[in-house]
Amino acid sequence: MVGSAAQLATFTSAKDGVSHSQWFSANAWLTALIAATISGVAVAITMTPFDVISTRLYNQPVDEFRKGRLYHGFTDCLMKVCQAEGPLGLYKGMGPVFLRLAPHTVLSMLFWDLMRQQAVKDE
């Protein structure tokens, strides 16, 4: 949910910003490509803390009752990471997250925009 919200909101805003800069026309595929790349960065920034927390929760050792030994849940993990490593500890591994999410975002938003433009032309 967080990734989709960041993806859709930043793509539209970035496309409007790039269009207003008048580097490219509003319907040029390069405008959509630049906006999608900006959106990919935003998705990586918003999703990395959730990936870090979920990875730590999944990889923690468990006791005989299958309860985590290090963290009691999402909020506990968030607080412990911030206390031990500072807020930037939530962004460990941002490079791989970007390499995983940005291509998906760029291709999804670029193709969506091109198909939307084609549908508008056909009407």
Protein backbone atom coordinates (compact mmCIF):
# COMPACT_ATOMS: atom_id res chain seq x y z
CA MET A 1 0.00 0.00 0.00
CA VAL A 2 2.77 2.45 0.92
CA GLY A 3 4.74 1.68 -2.23
CA SER A 4 1.74 2.06 -4.51
CA ALA A 5 0.75 5.33 -2.89
CA ALA A 6 4.26 6.73 -3.30
CA GLN A 7 4.49 5.43 -6.85
CA LEU A 8 1.23 6.93 -8.09
CA ALA A 9 1.48 10.24 -6.24
CA THR A 10 5.06 10.98 -7.17
CA PHE A 11 4.67 9.93 -10.81
CA THR A 12 1.84 12.38 -11.40
CA SER A 13 3.57 15.20 -9.52
CA ALA A 14 6.91 14.56 -11.20
CA LYS A 15 5.31 14.40 -14.64
CA ASP A 16 3.59 17.73 -14.03
CA GLY A 17 6.88 19.23 -12.86
CA VAL A 18 8.86 17.94 -15.83
CA SER A 19 6.12 19.14 -18.21
CA HIS A 20 6.13 22.62 -16.66
CA SER A 21 9.92 22.82 -17.06
CA GLN A 22 9.25 22.68 -20.82
CA TRP A 23 12.22 20.41 -21.51
CA PHE A 24 9.90 18.00 -23.26
CA SER A 25 6.27 18.14 -24.29
CA ALA A 26 3.74 16.84 -21.77
CA ASN A 27 3.00 13.74 -23.85
CA ALA A 28 6.60 12.85 -24.78
CA TRP A 29 7.74 9.43 -23.63
CA LEU A 30 10.89 11.03 -22.17
CA THR A 31 8.71 13.07 -19.83
CA ALA A 32 7.09 9.88 -18.57
CA LEU A 33 10.49 8.17 -18.30
CA ILE A 34 11.97 10.95 -16.17
CA ALA A 35 8.86 11.11 -13.99
CA ALA A 36 8.88 7.32 -13.57
CA THR A 37 12.54 7.40 -12.53
CA ILE A 38 11.79 10.06 -9.91
CA SER A 39 8.89 7.91 -8.76
CA GLY A 40 11.20 4.88 -8.50
CA VAL A 41 13.49 6.80 -6.15
CA ALA A 42 10.49 7.82 -4.02
CA VAL A 43 9.25 4.22 -3.85
CA ALA A 44 12.69 3.00 -2.74
CA ILE A 45 12.86 5.70 -0.05
CA THR A 46 9.42 4.87 1.33
CA MET A 47 9.72 1.06 1.10
CA THR A 48 13.22 0.52 2.50
CA PRO A 49 12.27 0.94 6.20
CA PHE A 50 9.45 -1.60 5.79
CA ASP A 51 11.82 -4.04 4.05
CA VAL A 52 14.44 -3.64 6.79
CA ILE A 53 11.90 -4.25 9.56
CA SER A 54 10.24 -7.22 7.86
CA THR A 55 13.63 -8.80 7.10
CA ARG A 56 14.73 -8.46 10.71
CA LEU A 57 11.45 -9.89 11.98
CA TYR A 58 11.64 -12.89 9.63
CA ASN A 59 15.32 -13.60 10.29
CA GLN A 60 15.31 -13.34 14.09
CA PRO A 61 15.84 -16.49 16.14
CA VAL A 62 12.75 -17.96 17.78
CA ASP A 63 12.18 -19.75 21.07
CA GLU A 64 10.51 -23.14 21.58
CA PHE A 65 7.07 -21.45 21.31
CA ARG A 66 8.01 -19.92 17.92
CA LYS A 67 8.11 -16.41 19.43
CA GLY A 68 10.80 -14.01 18.31
CA ARG A 69 13.70 -13.64 20.71
CA LEU A 70 14.77 -10.18 19.56
CA TYR A 71 11.58 -8.34 18.64
CA HIS A 72 7.96 -8.57 19.78
CA GLY A 73 6.51 -7.06 16.61
CA PHE A 74 6.73 -4.27 14.05
CA THR A 75 6.76 -1.34 16.47
CA ASP A 76 9.23 -3.01 18.82
CA CYS A 77 11.59 -3.70 15.93
CA LEU A 78 11.23 -0.12 14.65
CA MET A 79 12.05 1.33 18.05
CA LYS A 80 15.01 -0.98 18.68
CA VAL A 81 16.54 -0.30 15.27
CA CYS A 82 16.19 3.47 15.75
CA GLN A 83 17.64 3.31 19.28
CA ALA A 84 20.58 1.10 18.35
CA GLU A 85 21.44 2.41 14.88
CA GLY A 86 19.62 5.71 14.56
CA PRO A 87 16.95 6.49 11.96
CA LEU A 88 19.39 5.82 9.11
CA GLY A 89 19.52 2.21 10.28
CA LEU A 90 16.11 1.84 8.63
CA TYR A 91 17.75 2.55 5.27
CA LYS A 92 20.36 -0.20 5.31
CA GLY A 93 20.28 -1.99 1.99
CA MET A 94 18.64 0.86 0.10
CA GLY A 95 20.78 0.15 -2.98
CA PRO A 96 19.41 -3.36 -3.51
CA VAL A 97 15.88 -2.17 -2.74
CA PHE A 98 16.26 0.54 -5.38
CA LEU A 99 17.61 -1.96 -7.90
CA ARG A 100 14.62 -4.21 -7.21
CA LEU A 101 11.83 -1.62 -7.15
CA ALA A 102 12.94 1.15 -9.52
CA PRO A 103 12.89 -0.91 -12.76
CA HIS A 104 9.40 -2.18 -11.92
CA THR A 105 8.20 1.36 -11.21
CA VAL A 106 9.80 2.82 -14.33
CA LEU A 107 8.38 0.18 -16.65
CA SER A 108 4.94 0.15 -15.02
CA MET A 109 4.51 3.91 -15.07
CA LEU A 110 6.00 4.36 -18.55
CA PHE A 111 3.78 1.70 -20.13
CA TRP A 112 0.73 2.90 -18.20
CA ASP A 113 1.28 6.45 -19.44
CA LEU A 114 1.81 5.33 -23.05
CA MET A 115 -1.33 3.17 -22.97
CA ARG A 116 -3.31 6.01 -21.40
CA GLN A 117 -2.19 8.37 -24.16
CA GLN A 118 -3.18 5.81 -26.80
CA ALA A 119 -6.60 5.33 -25.23
CA VAL A 120 -7.19 9.09 -25.18
CA LYS A 121 -6.19 9.32 -28.88
CA ASP A 122 -8.59 6.51 -29.82
CA GLU A 123 -11.55 8.26 -28.23
